[in-house]
Amino acid sequence: MPTRRTALALPAALVSLGSLSACGPNASGGGGGDGSGSGSLRFAWWGNPRRDELTKAAISAYQEVAPDLTISAEPGDWGGYWDKLATQIAGGDAPDVIQMDEGYLAEYSSRDILLDLGTTDLDTSAVDEAALDAGRVDDGLFALNAGINAPVLLANPDVFEAAGVEMPDDTTWTWDDLVDIATRITDATEDGTYGVQQFGAAGGPPLSVYLRQLGADRFGPDGLGYTAEQLQQWMDYVLDLQNSGAAPPASVAVEEAGQSVDQSLFAVGKCGLQSQWSNQVVTLDASLDGKVVILRMPSMTGKAADAQLWYKASMYFSIAATSTTQDEGVAFIDWLVNDPDAGKILLAERGVPANLDVRESIVPDLTDSDLKAVDFIEAIADELGDPPPITPPGGGAADDVLARCVEDVLFGRADPADASAAAVDEAAGALG
């Protein structure tokens, strides 16, 4: 399960590889197969216990589709997944089917690690076009969208009620409104409870949303997508969250950034608002008795259409370019994404299905938590901005630079202006 900070630094084992073309197209990535649905297949993913349970159930159900195929499950947690995968790839032992993340997609595809699914018989006819495009890099389709989500704020109504604070109207609230609401929650609850998590330490969705409302992005066609002046506005804002008491102090915030989602202050009832991706409502609802409320991110104008939200691939399915069971792997992910039987098992835990037919077919089987995610995705459909550019090679290192400079501001080691200038200069260098 991802920690509160979604760190995407390239694993050391992958950095040491250079080009992987030397591994050769016939390097072992699984058992032999002839495309007939026989042989063996290895499937690696990261997740939480719920995802593990549902994925293993799907694997079991697929045995009826391909009874002569053996699928080995390789689940892991986010923290160790990428280092393990990089080590496997470096040793010529990559899993055949790989759960992929947007932050790594360009890096892995540029190193010839992933199969171009556009050259296969994979059926993408019922997949939402925007969701399909999210898996493209340059002219290739290197990953198939496993589900759609969007950046959100999750609210714990019990914390709001304890503070005597009303839930905001998420179609009209601003970033200043958020500071005011969160400060009132902190002031009206017991010590150790806060209105909102510290966005600066958490990283991820709120930074991207804030920058987009300034007309910027984390990345652009020529490198970084923001200026030092734009970044300084963000640093000023997260410092205001801290100084107002709306968010926890730096030491608490940084410690929380290393916690798993289900151990965060929000999950244990000590925080009113947490930034997340919409599919995580399923995990956090399990911790909070199904009470989590999904809110739109604030805007600078008080208009929901100006929030610049977007649909993101929650994660993808990819095939190792070195796999000797590529046909079997393609058939398997085709089933995972396109078959209603698979959809009824996996539901919306990986995000709202990108296949529109599957999405419609599973509605009667969705849990209340799943329905929250689906309803939110559909509610914002007319408010979306253009999707941001895909994270380029080196993007994880650039994000790490930014996280370090924000921490310097929160701990008082640097002021926002100096830290922003330093972050832009160093992060640009990380992108090459």
Protein backbone atom coordinates (compact mmCIF):
# COMPACT_ATOMS: atom_id res chain seq x y z
CA MET A 1 0.00 0.00 0.00
CA PRO A 2 1.36 3.45 -0.85
CA THR A 3 2.65 5.53 1.99
CA ARG A 4 1.28 9.01 2.48
CA ARG A 5 4.06 10.35 0.32
CA THR A 6 3.95 8.73 -3.08
CA ALA A 7 7.69 8.67 -3.68
CA LEU A 8 8.57 7.79 -7.27
CA ALA A 9 12.34 7.88 -7.22
CA LEU A 10 13.77 5.38 -9.67
CA PRO A 11 14.97 2.24 -7.85
CA ALA A 12 18.73 1.89 -7.67
CA ALA A 13 18.64 -1.48 -9.40
CA LEU A 14 16.93 0.07 -12.41
CA VAL A 15 19.25 3.05 -12.52
CA SER A 16 22.17 0.67 -12.87
CA LEU A 17 20.72 -1.07 -15.89
CA GLY A 18 21.14 1.54 -18.57
CA SER A 19 19.44 0.11 -21.63
CA LEU A 20 17.87 -3.28 -21.11
CA SER A 21 18.05 -4.26 -24.73
CA ALA A 22 21.02 -6.47 -23.87
CA CYS A 23 18.65 -8.74 -22.00
CA GLY A 24 17.37 -9.86 -25.37
CA PRO A 25 13.82 -10.56 -26.49
CA ASN A 26 14.03 -14.17 -25.39
CA ALA A 27 15.20 -13.62 -21.83
CA SER A 28 13.14 -15.64 -19.38
CA GLY A 29 10.20 -13.89 -17.82
CA GLY A 30 8.04 -16.88 -17.05
CA GLY A 31 7.18 -20.36 -18.19
CA GLY A 32 7.11 -21.27 -21.85
CA GLY A 33 3.93 -20.83 -23.81
CA ASP A 34 2.73 -21.12 -27.38
CA GLY A 35 -0.22 -18.72 -27.21
CA SER A 36 -2.68 -21.56 -26.69
CA GLY A 37 -3.45 -20.69 -23.07
CA SER A 38 -1.09 -23.29 -21.67
CA GLY A 39 2.08 -22.90 -19.62
CA SER A 40 2.67 -20.53 -16.72
CA LEU A 41 2.37 -16.84 -16.10
CA ARG A 42 3.63 -14.58 -13.31
CA PHE A 43 1.54 -11.61 -12.24
CA ALA A 44 3.02 -8.94 -9.95
CA TRP A 45 1.10 -6.13 -8.29
CA TRP A 46 1.24 -3.85 -5.25
CA GLY A 47 -1.74 -3.25 -3.05
CA ASN A 48 -3.51 -3.73 0.24
CA PRO A 49 -5.13 -6.85 1.72
CA ARG A 50 -8.43 -6.09 -0.03
CA ARG A 51 -6.75 -5.78 -3.43
CA ASP A 52 -4.80 -8.97 -2.81
CA GLU A 53 -8.00 -10.83 -1.96
CA LEU A 54 -9.90 -9.61 -5.02
CA THR A 55 -6.98 -10.16 -7.40
CA LYS A 56 -6.42 -13.72 -6.22
CA ALA A 57 -10.15 -14.38 -6.67
CA ALA A 58 -9.90 -13.10 -10.24
CA ILE A 59 -6.90 -15.32 -10.92
CA SER A 60 -8.86 -18.29 -9.63
CA ALA A 61 -11.85 -17.43 -11.83
CA TYR A 62 -9.60 -17.14 -14.89
CA GLN A 63 -8.63 -20.77 -14.45
CA GLU A 64 -12.03 -21.62 -15.91
CA VAL A 65 -11.18 -19.56 -19.00
CA ALA A 66 -7.67 -20.97 -19.40
CA PRO A 67 -7.59 -24.24 -17.40
CA ASP A 68 -4.18 -25.25 -18.73
CA LEU A 69 -2.52 -21.99 -17.69
CA THR A 70 -0.90 -21.63 -14.28
CA ILE A 71 -0.78 -18.08 -12.90
CA SER A 72 1.61 -17.36 -10.06
CA ALA A 73 0.56 -14.42 -7.87
CA GLU A 74 3.32 -12.01 -6.75
CA PRO A 75 1.64 -9.40 -4.54
CA GLY A 76 3.64 -6.80 -2.63
CA ASP A 77 3.37 -3.48 -0.84
CA TRP A 78 4.16 -0.20 -2.56
CA GLY A 79 7.31 0.44 -0.54
CA GLY A 80 9.15 -2.68 -1.69
CA TYR A 81 7.43 -3.33 -5.01
CA TRP A 82 9.56 -1.15 -7.25
CA ASP A 83 12.93 -2.15 -5.80
CA LYS A 84 12.01 -5.82 -6.15
CA LEU A 85 10.76 -5.32 -9.70
CA ALA A 86 13.91 -3.45 -10.72
CA THR A 87 16.07 -6.23 -9.28
CA GLN A 88 14.05 -8.86 -11.14
CA ILE A 89 14.36 -6.94 -14.41
CA ALA A 90 18.09 -6.47 -13.95
CA GLY A 91 18.44 -10.24 -13.46
CA GLY A 92 16.37 -11.10 -16.53
CA ASP A 93 13.57 -12.47 -14.36
CA ALA A 94 10.75 -9.96 -14.84
CA PRO A 95 7.17 -11.02 -14.10
CA ASP A 96 5.10 -11.51 -17.24
CA VAL A 97 2.21 -9.25 -16.21
CA ILE A 98 3.23 -6.11 -14.31
CA GLN A 99 0.97 -3.69 -12.47
CA MET A 100 2.35 -0.33 -13.58
CA ASP A 101 2.12 3.24 -12.26
CA GLU A 102 2.02 6.49 -14.24
CA GLY A 103 5.13 7.73 -12.47
CA TYR A 104 7.20 4.87 -13.90
CA LEU A 105 5.53 4.33 -17.27
CA ALA A 106 7.70 6.61 -19.42
CA GLU A 107 10.86 5.47 -17.64
CA TYR A 108 10.16 1.79 -18.14
CA SER A 109 8.89 2.08 -21.71
CA SER A 110 11.89 4.18 -22.74
CA ARG A 111 14.18 1.38 -21.54
CA ASP A 112 12.42 -1.28 -23.65
CA ILE A 113 11.14 -3.04 -20.54
CA LEU A 114 7.48 -3.09 -21.61
CA LEU A 115 5.74 -4.67 -24.59
CA ASP A 116 3.91 -2.34 -26.97
CA LEU A 117 0.35 -3.60 -26.52
CA GLY A 118 -0.65 -1.82 -29.71
CA THR A 119 1.16 -4.55 -31.64
CA THR A 120 -0.94 -7.29 -30.04
CA ASP A 121 -4.51 -8.58 -30.37
CA LEU A 122 -5.61 -6.79 -27.19
CA ASP A 123 -9.20 -5.55 -27.55
CA THR A 124 -9.49 -1.86 -26.63
CA SER A 125 -12.73 -1.10 -28.48
CA ALA A 126 -14.85 -0.55 -25.35
CA VAL A 127 -12.21 1.34 -23.35
CA ASP A 128 -12.82 5.04 -22.83
CA GLU A 129 -10.55 6.85 -25.30
CA ALA A 130 -9.07 9.18 -22.69
CA ALA A 131 -8.37 6.21 -20.43
CA LEU A 132 -6.68 4.43 -23.31
CA ASP A 133 -4.52 7.43 -24.14
CA ALA A 134 -3.27 7.47 -20.55
CA GLY A 135 -1.26 4.33 -21.33
CA ARG A 136 0.42 5.71 -24.44
CA VAL A 137 4.02 6.90 -24.56
CA ASP A 138 5.15 8.44 -27.84
CA ASP A 139 3.59 6.19 -30.49
CA GLY A 140 3.20 3.05 -28.39
CA LEU A 141 0.56 1.65 -26.02
CA PHE A 142 2.67 0.28 -23.19
CA ALA A 143 0.03 -0.07 -20.50
CA LEU A 144 -3.70 -0.70 -20.30
CA ASN A 145 -5.65 1.39 -17.82
CA ALA A 146 -6.84 -0.77 -14.92
CA GLY A 147 -9.20 1.88 -13.56
CA ILE A 148 -9.97 5.58 -13.46
CA ASN A 149 -9.67 7.85 -10.47
CA ALA A 150 -9.38 11.55 -9.75
CA PRO A 151 -7.72 13.78 -7.13
CA VAL A 152 -10.04 14.39 -4.19
CA LEU A 153 -10.24 15.48 -0.59
CA LEU A 154 -11.74 12.88 1.71
CA ALA A 155 -13.66 14.11 4.76
CA ASN A 156 -14.40 12.38 8.06
CA PRO A 157 -17.83 13.65 9.15
CA ASP A 158 -17.27 12.47 12.74
CA VAL A 159 -14.35 14.90 13.11
CA PHE A 160 -16.39 17.73 11.61
CA GLU A 161 -19.26 16.98 13.99
CA ALA A 162 -16.96 16.83 17.02
CA ALA A 163 -15.66 20.29 16.08
CA GLY A 164 -19.11 21.70 15.40
CA VAL A 165 -18.04 22.60 11.86
CA GLU A 166 -20.31 22.12 8.86
CA MET A 167 -19.20 20.13 5.82
CA PRO A 168 -18.18 22.56 3.03
CA ASP A 169 -19.96 23.03 -0.27
CA ASP A 170 -17.30 21.52 -2.47
CA THR A 171 -18.66 23.20 -5.61
CA THR A 172 -17.91 26.69 -4.29
CA TRP A 173 -15.11 26.51 -1.75
CA THR A 174 -11.65 28.02 -2.17
CA TRP A 175 -8.20 27.24 -0.82
CA ASP A 176 -8.64 30.03 1.73
CA ASP A 177 -11.94 28.45 2.82
CA LEU A 178 -10.09 25.20 3.41
CA VAL A 179 -7.58 26.89 5.71
CA ASP A 180 -10.38 28.53 7.67
CA ILE A 181 -12.43 25.34 8.03
CA ALA A 182 -9.43 23.22 8.95
CA THR A 183 -8.19 25.74 11.51
CA ARG A 184 -11.58 25.78 13.22
CA ILE A 185 -11.55 21.97 13.39
CA THR A 186 -8.10 21.92 14.97
CA ASP A 187 -9.06 24.61 17.50
CA ALA A 188 -12.29 22.86 18.50
CA THR A 189 -10.99 19.32 18.93
CA GLU A 190 -8.64 17.63 21.37
CA ASP A 191 -4.87 17.99 21.06
CA GLY A 192 -3.49 15.69 18.39
CA THR A 193 -6.48 16.12 16.08
CA TYR A 194 -6.09 18.36 13.05
CA GLY A 195 -8.32 19.88 10.42
CA VAL A 196 -6.32 18.77 7.40
CA GLN A 197 -3.16 16.84 6.63
CA GLN A 198 -0.04 18.82 5.70
CA PHE A 199 -0.18 18.84 1.90
CA GLY A 200 3.46 19.89 1.66
CA ALA A 201 4.72 16.75 3.36
CA ALA A 202 2.22 14.47 1.65
CA GLY A 203 2.98 15.59 -1.89
CA GLY A 204 0.84 14.18 -4.67
CA PRO A 205 -2.60 15.36 -5.80
CA PRO A 206 -3.00 18.77 -4.07
CA LEU A 207 0.28 20.09 -5.47
CA SER A 208 -0.73 19.11 -9.00
CA VAL A 209 -4.20 20.62 -8.63
CA TYR A 210 -2.84 23.86 -7.16
CA LEU A 211 -0.26 24.25 -9.94
CA ARG A 212 -2.87 23.55 -12.62
CA GLN A 213 -5.02 26.34 -11.24
CA LEU A 214 -2.02 28.62 -11.71
CA GLY A 215 -1.78 27.54 -15.35
CA ALA A 216 1.14 25.20 -14.69
CA ASP A 217 1.82 21.46 -14.37
CA ARG A 218 4.37 19.32 -12.58
CA PHE A 219 5.97 18.58 -15.95
CA GLY A 220 5.86 20.12 -19.39
CA PRO A 221 7.10 19.27 -22.89
CA ASP A 222 10.53 20.72 -22.16
CA GLY A 223 11.05 19.63 -18.54
CA LEU A 224 9.50 21.16 -15.45
CA GLY A 225 6.06 22.60 -15.93
CA TYR A 226 6.21 25.33 -13.26
CA THR A 227 8.32 28.37 -12.41
CA ALA A 228 9.96 29.29 -9.12
CA GLU A 229 7.34 32.01 -8.66
CA GLN A 230 4.47 29.52 -9.08
CA LEU A 231 6.11 27.04 -6.76
CA GLN A 232 6.61 29.75 -4.15
CA GLN A 233 2.84 30.32 -4.05
CA TRP A 234 2.44 26.64 -3.17
CA MET A 235 5.13 26.81 -0.49
CA ASP A 236 3.53 29.92 0.99
CA TYR A 237 0.23 28.06 1.13
CA VAL A 238 1.50 24.92 2.86
CA LEU A 239 3.40 27.08 5.34
CA ASP A 240 0.13 28.89 6.07
CA LEU A 241 -1.50 25.51 6.74
CA GLN A 242 1.17 24.86 9.35
CA ASN A 243 1.33 28.32 10.93
CA SER A 244 -2.45 28.58 11.27
CA GLY A 245 -2.67 25.23 13.01
CA ALA A 246 -4.92 23.86 10.25
CA ALA A 247 -2.38 21.09 9.62
CA PRO A 248 0.00 19.30 12.00
CA PRO A 249 3.51 20.62 12.72
CA ALA A 250 6.36 19.55 10.47
CA SER A 251 7.64 16.74 12.70
CA VAL A 252 4.19 15.11 12.88
CA ALA A 253 3.52 15.68 9.18
CA VAL A 254 6.78 14.12 8.02
CA GLU A 255 6.28 11.11 10.28
CA GLU A 256 2.79 10.65 8.87
CA ALA A 257 4.14 10.83 5.32
CA GLY A 258 5.83 7.50 5.99
CA GLN A 259 2.67 5.79 7.23
CA SER A 260 0.50 3.51 5.13
CA VAL A 261 -2.86 4.93 4.10
CA ASP A 262 -4.77 2.87 6.66
CA GLN A 263 -2.52 4.13 9.49
CA SER A 264 -2.73 7.82 8.61
CA LEU A 265 -4.15 10.39 11.04
CA PHE A 266 -7.27 10.50 8.89
CA ALA A 267 -7.77 6.72 9.02
CA VAL A 268 -7.54 6.65 12.83
CA GLY A 269 -9.97 9.55 13.30
CA LYS A 270 -7.42 12.27 14.08
CA CYS A 271 -7.79 14.41 10.95
CA GLY A 272 -10.82 15.94 9.25
CA LEU A 273 -9.54 16.12 5.65
CA GLN A 274 -7.01 14.14 3.66
CA SER A 275 -5.94 14.39 0.03
CA GLN A 276 -6.21 11.17 -1.92
CA TRP A 277 -7.13 9.54 -5.19
CA SER A 278 -10.81 8.70 -5.39
CA ASN A 279 -10.39 4.90 -5.39
CA GLN A 280 -8.83 5.06 -1.90
CA VAL A 281 -12.26 5.78 -0.45
CA VAL A 282 -12.72 2.00 -0.49
CA THR A 283 -9.73 1.43 1.81
CA LEU A 284 -10.48 4.35 4.13
CA ASP A 285 -14.17 3.55 4.39
CA ALA A 286 -13.13 0.21 5.82
CA SER A 287 -11.24 2.06 8.57
CA LEU A 288 -13.99 4.59 9.29
CA ASP A 289 -17.18 2.51 9.26
CA GLY A 290 -18.19 3.56 5.78
CA LYS A 291 -18.58 7.25 6.70
CA VAL A 292 -16.00 8.85 4.40
CA VAL A 293 -17.28 11.71 2.23
CA ILE A 294 -15.62 12.52 -1.11
CA LEU A 295 -15.12 16.24 -1.81
CA ARG A 296 -13.84 18.11 -4.82
CA MET A 297 -10.52 19.90 -4.39
CA PRO A 298 -10.93 23.65 -3.76
CA SER A 299 -10.48 26.19 -6.52
CA MET A 300 -9.01 29.68 -6.46
CA THR A 301 -12.22 31.19 -7.83
CA GLY A 302 -14.88 29.28 -5.92
CA LYS A 303 -16.06 27.58 -9.12
CA ALA A 304 -15.89 23.80 -9.47
CA ALA A 305 -15.18 24.05 -13.19
CA ASP A 306 -11.99 26.00 -12.37
CA ALA A 307 -10.60 23.27 -10.10
CA GLN A 308 -8.85 21.68 -13.10
CA LEU A 309 -9.45 18.10 -11.98
CA TRP A 310 -8.74 15.25 -14.38
CA TYR A 311 -9.18 11.53 -14.78
CA LYS A 312 -6.02 9.63 -13.91
CA ALA A 313 -5.21 6.02 -14.49
CA SER A 314 -5.21 4.64 -10.96
CA MET A 315 -2.77 2.03 -12.21
CA TYR A 316 -2.12 -0.02 -15.32
CA PHE A 317 -1.48 -3.54 -16.55
CA SER A 318 1.63 -4.04 -18.66
CA ILE A 319 3.46 -7.00 -20.21
CA ALA A 320 7.21 -7.52 -19.89
CA ALA A 321 8.95 -7.21 -23.25
CA THR A 322 11.11 -10.18 -22.25
CA SER A 323 8.21 -12.46 -21.38
CA THR A 324 8.06 -15.77 -23.20
CA THR A 325 4.32 -15.96 -22.50
CA GLN A 326 3.30 -12.65 -24.02
CA ASP A 327 0.22 -14.05 -25.78
CA GLU A 328 -1.05 -15.58 -22.56
CA GLY A 329 -0.34 -12.35 -20.70
CA VAL A 330 -2.23 -10.27 -23.25
CA ALA A 331 -5.19 -12.65 -23.09
CA PHE A 332 -5.19 -12.40 -19.30
CA ILE A 333 -5.19 -8.60 -19.10
CA ASP A 334 -7.77 -8.52 -21.90
CA TRP A 335 -9.99 -10.58 -19.60
CA LEU A 336 -9.20 -8.48 -16.52
CA VAL A 337 -10.21 -5.25 -18.24
CA ASN A 338 -12.89 -6.32 -20.71
CA ASP A 339 -14.80 -9.23 -19.18
CA PRO A 340 -17.82 -8.43 -16.97
CA ASP A 341 -17.07 -11.53 -14.88
CA ALA A 342 -13.68 -10.07 -13.99
CA GLY A 343 -15.28 -6.68 -13.34
CA LYS A 344 -17.74 -8.19 -10.89
CA ILE A 345 -14.83 -9.63 -8.91
CA LEU A 346 -12.46 -6.66 -8.99
CA LEU A 347 -15.22 -4.01 -8.70
CA ALA A 348 -13.79 -0.48 -8.25
CA GLU A 349 -10.89 -1.20 -5.88
CA ARG A 350 -8.36 -0.32 -8.59
CA GLY A 351 -10.51 2.59 -9.68
CA VAL A 352 -13.65 2.91 -11.78
CA PRO A 353 -13.39 0.48 -14.73
CA ALA A 354 -12.11 2.10 -17.92
CA ASN A 355 -14.23 -0.28 -20.02
CA LEU A 356 -17.59 1.49 -20.23
CA ASP A 357 -19.54 -1.75 -20.76
CA VAL A 358 -17.93 -3.37 -17.71
CA ARG A 359 -18.56 -0.25 -15.64
CA GLU A 360 -22.27 -0.41 -16.43
CA SER A 361 -22.51 -4.15 -15.82
CA ILE A 362 -20.98 -4.10 -12.33
CA VAL A 363 -23.11 -1.33 -10.81
CA PRO A 364 -25.54 -3.78 -9.14
CA ASP A 365 -22.58 -5.54 -7.49
CA LEU A 366 -20.79 -2.47 -6.17
CA THR A 367 -20.44 -1.83 -2.47
CA ASP A 368 -21.50 1.51 -1.03
CA SER A 369 -17.83 2.55 -0.97
CA ASP A 370 -17.35 1.57 -4.61
CA LEU A 371 -20.47 3.54 -5.54
CA LYS A 372 -19.07 6.65 -3.87
CA ALA A 373 -16.07 6.48 -6.20
CA VAL A 374 -18.20 5.82 -9.28
CA ASP A 375 -20.67 8.59 -8.45
CA PHE A 376 -17.86 11.10 -7.92
CA ILE A 377 -16.14 10.18 -11.20
CA GLU A 378 -19.41 10.70 -13.05
CA ALA A 379 -20.31 13.89 -11.15
CA ILE A 380 -17.16 15.75 -12.26
CA ALA A 381 -17.30 14.63 -15.91
CA ASP A 382 -18.30 18.10 -17.16
CA GLU A 383 -15.78 19.94 -14.96
CA LEU A 384 -12.53 18.33 -16.09
CA GLY A 385 -9.44 20.04 -17.41
CA ASP A 386 -7.04 18.49 -19.89
CA PRO A 387 -4.97 15.63 -18.43
CA PRO A 388 -1.46 16.62 -17.37
CA PRO A 389 1.59 15.44 -19.31
CA ILE A 390 2.88 12.02 -18.34
CA THR A 391 5.72 11.90 -15.82
CA PRO A 392 8.95 11.89 -17.89
CA PRO A 393 12.10 9.87 -17.19
CA GLY A 394 13.73 11.49 -14.17
CA GLY A 395 10.39 12.78 -12.91
CA GLY A 396 10.60 10.81 -9.69
CA ALA A 397 13.97 12.35 -8.86
CA ALA A 398 12.59 15.82 -9.61
CA ASP A 399 9.68 15.18 -7.24
CA ASP A 400 12.10 14.07 -4.54
CA VAL A 401 13.98 17.35 -4.87
CA LEU A 402 10.73 19.25 -4.49
CA ALA A 403 9.71 17.22 -1.42
CA ARG A 404 13.05 17.92 0.25
CA CYS A 405 12.82 21.65 -0.40
CA VAL A 406 9.25 21.83 0.93
CA GLU A 407 10.39 20.07 4.11
CA ASP A 408 13.14 22.68 4.49
CA VAL A 409 10.42 25.35 4.48
CA LEU A 410 8.20 23.51 6.96
CA PHE A 411 11.10 22.98 9.37
CA GLY A 412 12.22 26.60 9.04
CA ARG A 413 15.51 25.75 7.34
CA ALA A 414 14.68 27.88 4.28
CA ASP A 415 12.16 30.53 3.29
CA PRO A 416 9.68 29.85 0.46
CA ALA A 417 11.41 32.11 -2.07
CA ASP A 418 14.88 30.60 -1.65
CA ALA A 419 13.55 27.04 -1.42
CA SER A 420 11.46 27.45 -4.57
CA ALA A 421 14.37 28.80 -6.58
CA ALA A 422 16.62 25.98 -5.38
CA ALA A 423 13.96 23.34 -6.11
CA VAL A 424 13.39 24.50 -9.68
CA ASP A 425 17.11 24.67 -10.43
CA GLU A 426 17.91 21.22 -8.99
CA ALA A 427 14.74 19.50 -10.25
CA ALA A 428 15.35 20.75 -13.78
CA GLY A 429 18.81 19.17 -13.60
CA ALA A 430 17.31 15.87 -12.47
CA LEU A 431 15.26 15.76 -15.66
CA GLY A 432 18.36 16.19 -17.77
